[in-house]
Amino acid sequence: RLFLMVILIQGLSLAWLPSCSTETELIAFSVVFGGSSGARVALVSLVLWELYGAEKVPHLFGLAGLAIGVGTLIGPTLVGSIYDLTGSYGTAFLTSACLVLVSIPCMLASYWDAARYREVSKADLEEV
């Protein structure tokens, strides 16, 4: 749940960024977004361990790193393209916020799938 809250905070802070017009607001954005980014990085391996078990963490952490790398590769190009089309970074940041917020249902689906897998595994162990 904490991980989902962190993702939600990141998405909402990105949506807030285009309306920041003063130095104080930009500092506040930096604190909120930076704090949630740091928390997300710190929580990824813990969430993977909780959902899928210790034996799968290295493999899944690598896949998560791949997804982050692809986002890092595509993100600046996407933002630049949106800026070229609209003449505004606001639209680019709102698009980024939407992409981050779309990840929440994906994470919920992962939680539910992992919970179902654990229940099936537990039932298999009880039969033995």
C-alpha atoms as a PDB file:
ATOM      1  CA  ARG A   1       0.000   0.000   0.000  1.00  0.00           C
ATOM      2  CA  LEU A   2       2.838   2.370   0.798  1.00  0.00           C
ATOM      3  CA  PHE A   3       4.296   1.786  -2.667  1.00  0.00           C
ATOM      4  CA  LEU A   4       0.960   2.686  -4.286  1.00  0.00           C
ATOM      5  CA  MET A   5       0.752   5.838  -2.153  1.00  0.00           C
ATOM      6  CA  VAL A   6       4.233   6.831  -3.305  1.00  0.00           C
ATOM      7  CA  ILE A   7       3.257   6.316  -6.960  1.00  0.00           C
ATOM      8  CA  LEU A   8       0.073   8.339  -6.410  1.00  0.00           C
ATOM      9  CA  ILE A   9       2.078  11.178  -4.835  1.00  0.00           C
ATOM     10  CA  GLN A  10       4.495  11.138  -7.775  1.00  0.00           C
ATOM     11  CA  GLY A  11       1.679  11.312 -10.319  1.00  0.00           C
ATOM     12  CA  LEU A  12      -0.182  14.062  -8.485  1.00  0.00           C
ATOM     13  CA  SER A  13       2.984  16.097  -8.020  1.00  0.00           C
ATOM     14  CA  LEU A  14       3.706  15.879 -11.767  1.00  0.00           C
ATOM     15  CA  ALA A  15       0.166  17.086 -12.441  1.00  0.00           C
ATOM     16  CA  TRP A  16       0.789  19.958 -10.013  1.00  0.00           C
ATOM     17  CA  LEU A  17       4.075  21.039 -11.648  1.00  0.00           C
ATOM     18  CA  PRO A  18       2.583  23.016 -14.579  1.00  0.00           C
ATOM     19  CA  SER A  19       0.737  25.274 -12.141  1.00  0.00           C
ATOM     20  CA  CYS A  20       3.874  26.058 -10.103  1.00  0.00           C
ATOM     21  CA  SER A  21       4.810  29.661 -10.800  1.00  0.00           C
ATOM     22  CA  THR A  22       6.907  30.799  -7.857  1.00  0.00           C
ATOM     23  CA  GLU A  23      10.231  29.683  -6.511  1.00  0.00           C
ATOM     24  CA  THR A  24       8.577  28.454  -3.311  1.00  0.00           C
ATOM     25  CA  GLU A  25       6.121  26.310  -5.263  1.00  0.00           C
ATOM     26  CA  LEU A  26       8.937  24.821  -7.342  1.00  0.00           C
ATOM     27  CA  ILE A  27      10.911  24.019  -4.189  1.00  0.00           C
ATOM     28  CA  ALA A  28       7.829  22.387  -2.668  1.00  0.00           C
ATOM     29  CA  PHE A  29       7.336  20.374  -5.870  1.00  0.00           C
ATOM     30  CA  SER A  30      10.988  19.298  -5.780  1.00  0.00           C
ATOM     31  CA  VAL A  31      10.679  18.129  -2.182  1.00  0.00           C
ATOM     32  CA  VAL A  32       7.447  16.191  -2.796  1.00  0.00           C
ATOM     33  CA  PHE A  33       8.503  14.648  -6.107  1.00  0.00           C
ATOM     34  CA  GLY A  34      12.062  13.945  -4.972  1.00  0.00           C
ATOM     35  CA  GLY A  35      10.890  12.371  -1.727  1.00  0.00           C
ATOM     36  CA  SER A  36       8.396  10.153  -3.497  1.00  0.00           C
ATOM     37  CA  SER A  37      10.974   9.177  -6.136  1.00  0.00           C
ATOM     38  CA  GLY A  38      13.477   8.199  -3.472  1.00  0.00           C
ATOM     39  CA  ALA A  39      10.853   6.230  -1.575  1.00  0.00           C
ATOM     40  CA  ARG A  40       9.822   4.428  -4.772  1.00  0.00           C
ATOM     41  CA  VAL A  41      13.398   3.389  -5.488  1.00  0.00           C
ATOM     42  CA  ALA A  42      13.845   2.183  -1.917  1.00  0.00           C
ATOM     43  CA  LEU A  43      10.591   0.203  -1.930  1.00  0.00           C
ATOM     44  CA  VAL A  44      10.861  -1.618  -5.270  1.00  0.00           C
ATOM     45  CA  SER A  45      12.918  -4.566  -4.029  1.00  0.00           C
ATOM     46  CA  LEU A  46      10.812  -4.873  -0.870  1.00  0.00           C
ATOM     47  CA  VAL A  47       7.592  -4.958  -2.875  1.00  0.00           C
ATOM     48  CA  LEU A  48       9.024  -7.549  -5.255  1.00  0.00           C
ATOM     49  CA  TRP A  49      10.098  -9.679  -2.301  1.00  0.00           C
ATOM     50  CA  GLU A  50       6.668  -9.400  -0.680  1.00  0.00           C
ATOM     51  CA  LEU A  51       4.795 -10.230  -3.866  1.00  0.00           C
ATOM     52  CA  TYR A  52       6.945 -12.935  -5.412  1.00  0.00           C
ATOM     53  CA  GLY A  53       9.372 -14.205  -2.794  1.00  0.00           C
ATOM     54  CA  ALA A  54      13.099 -13.804  -2.231  1.00  0.00           C
ATOM     55  CA  GLU A  55      14.151 -16.281  -4.926  1.00  0.00           C
ATOM     56  CA  LYS A  56      12.587 -14.183  -7.706  1.00  0.00           C
ATOM     57  CA  VAL A  57      13.759 -10.731  -6.556  1.00  0.00           C
ATOM     58  CA  PRO A  58      17.010 -10.591  -8.589  1.00  0.00           C
ATOM     59  CA  HIS A  59      15.282 -11.522 -11.843  1.00  0.00           C
ATOM     60  CA  LEU A  60      12.296  -9.223 -11.286  1.00  0.00           C
ATOM     61  CA  PHE A  61      14.505  -6.373 -10.082  1.00  0.00           C
ATOM     62  CA  GLY A  62      16.376  -6.649 -13.378  1.00  0.00           C
ATOM     63  CA  LEU A  63      13.099  -6.521 -15.307  1.00  0.00           C
ATOM     64  CA  ALA A  64      11.997  -3.508 -13.271  1.00  0.00           C
ATOM     65  CA  GLY A  65      15.322  -1.856 -14.093  1.00  0.00           C
ATOM     66  CA  LEU A  66      14.733  -2.575 -17.764  1.00  0.00           C
ATOM     67  CA  ALA A  67      11.334  -0.879 -17.609  1.00  0.00           C
ATOM     68  CA  ILE A  68      12.859   2.114 -15.840  1.00  0.00           C
ATOM     69  CA  GLY A  69      15.620   2.272 -18.459  1.00  0.00           C
ATOM     70  CA  VAL A  70      13.112   2.238 -21.315  1.00  0.00           C
ATOM     71  CA  GLY A  71      11.150   5.018 -19.609  1.00  0.00           C
ATOM     72  CA  THR A  72      14.342   7.013 -19.118  1.00  0.00           C
ATOM     73  CA  LEU A  73      15.180   6.551 -22.795  1.00  0.00           C
ATOM     74  CA  ILE A  74      11.725   7.432 -24.137  1.00  0.00           C
ATOM     75  CA  GLY A  75      10.691  10.068 -21.558  1.00  0.00           C
ATOM     76  CA  PRO A  76      12.833  13.017 -22.637  1.00  0.00           C
ATOM     77  CA  THR A  77      12.069  12.383 -26.308  1.00  0.00           C
ATOM     78  CA  LEU A  78       8.339  12.199 -25.562  1.00  0.00           C
ATOM     79  CA  VAL A  79       8.442  15.400 -23.518  1.00  0.00           C
ATOM     80  CA  GLY A  80      10.406  17.177 -26.263  1.00  0.00           C
ATOM     81  CA  SER A  81       7.979  15.995 -28.936  1.00  0.00           C
ATOM     82  CA  ILE A  82       4.976  17.142 -26.913  1.00  0.00           C
ATOM     83  CA  TYR A  83       6.658  20.503 -26.357  1.00  0.00           C
ATOM     84  CA  ASP A  84       7.349  20.825 -30.105  1.00  0.00           C
ATOM     85  CA  LEU A  85       3.703  20.060 -30.895  1.00  0.00           C
ATOM     86  CA  THR A  86       2.104  22.232 -28.214  1.00  0.00           C
ATOM     87  CA  GLY A  87       4.713  24.832 -27.322  1.00  0.00           C
ATOM     88  CA  SER A  88       4.136  24.003 -23.650  1.00  0.00           C
ATOM     89  CA  TYR A  89       5.856  21.842 -21.101  1.00  0.00           C
ATOM     90  CA  GLY A  90       2.616  21.818 -19.094  1.00  0.00           C
ATOM     91  CA  THR A  91       1.013  19.359 -21.495  1.00  0.00           C
ATOM     92  CA  ALA A  92       4.130  17.176 -21.365  1.00  0.00           C
ATOM     93  CA  PHE A  93       4.098  17.067 -17.555  1.00  0.00           C
ATOM     94  CA  LEU A  94       0.370  16.323 -17.490  1.00  0.00           C
ATOM     95  CA  THR A  95       0.965  13.477 -19.952  1.00  0.00           C
ATOM     96  CA  SER A  96       3.745  12.167 -17.709  1.00  0.00           C
ATOM     97  CA  ALA A  97       1.433  12.412 -14.700  1.00  0.00           C
ATOM     98  CA  CYS A  98      -1.227  10.404 -16.535  1.00  0.00           C
ATOM     99  CA  LEU A  99       1.302   7.707 -17.431  1.00  0.00           C
ATOM    100  CA  VAL A 100       2.432   7.464 -13.807  1.00  0.00           C
ATOM    101  CA  LEU A 101      -1.163   7.295 -12.562  1.00  0.00           C
ATOM    102  CA  VAL A 102      -2.018   4.588 -15.114  1.00  0.00           C
ATOM    103  CA  SER A 103       0.620   2.431 -13.452  1.00  0.00           C
ATOM    104  CA  ILE A 104      -1.500   2.242 -10.283  1.00  0.00           C
ATOM    105  CA  PRO A 105      -4.130  -0.124 -11.756  1.00  0.00           C
ATOM    106  CA  CYS A 106      -1.265  -2.167 -13.231  1.00  0.00           C
ATOM    107  CA  MET A 107       0.298  -2.462  -9.774  1.00  0.00           C
ATOM    108  CA  LEU A 108      -3.062  -3.413  -8.246  1.00  0.00           C
ATOM    109  CA  ALA A 109      -3.405  -6.160 -10.845  1.00  0.00           C
ATOM    110  CA  SER A 110       0.079  -7.406  -9.879  1.00  0.00           C
ATOM    111  CA  TYR A 111      -0.878  -7.416  -6.194  1.00  0.00           C
ATOM    112  CA  TRP A 112      -4.059  -9.392  -6.882  1.00  0.00           C
ATOM    113  CA  ASP A 113      -2.262 -11.831  -9.168  1.00  0.00           C
ATOM    114  CA  ALA A 114       0.475 -12.409  -6.606  1.00  0.00           C
ATOM    115  CA  ALA A 115      -2.113 -12.883  -3.850  1.00  0.00           C
ATOM    116  CA  ARG A 116      -3.950 -15.444  -5.972  1.00  0.00           C
ATOM    117  CA  TYR A 117      -0.657 -17.230  -6.701  1.00  0.00           C
ATOM    118  CA  ARG A 118       0.164 -17.353  -2.976  1.00  0.00           C
ATOM    119  CA  GLU A 119      -3.282 -18.808  -2.205  1.00  0.00           C
ATOM    120  CA  VAL A 120      -2.858 -21.494  -4.867  1.00  0.00           C
ATOM    121  CA  SER A 121       0.636 -22.322  -3.586  1.00  0.00           C
ATOM    122  CA  LYS A 122      -0.625 -22.474  -0.015  1.00  0.00           C
ATOM    123  CA  ALA A 123      -3.425 -24.855  -1.075  1.00  0.00           C
ATOM    124  CA  ASP A 124      -0.884 -27.048  -2.879  1.00  0.00           C
ATOM    125  CA  LEU A 125       1.243 -27.237   0.259  1.00  0.00           C
ATOM    126  CA  GLU A 126      -1.753 -28.107   2.436  1.00  0.00           C
ATOM    127  CA  GLU A 127      -2.607 -31.058   0.163  1.00  0.00           C
ATOM    128  CA  VAL A 128       0.846 -32.582   0.687  1.00  0.00           C
END
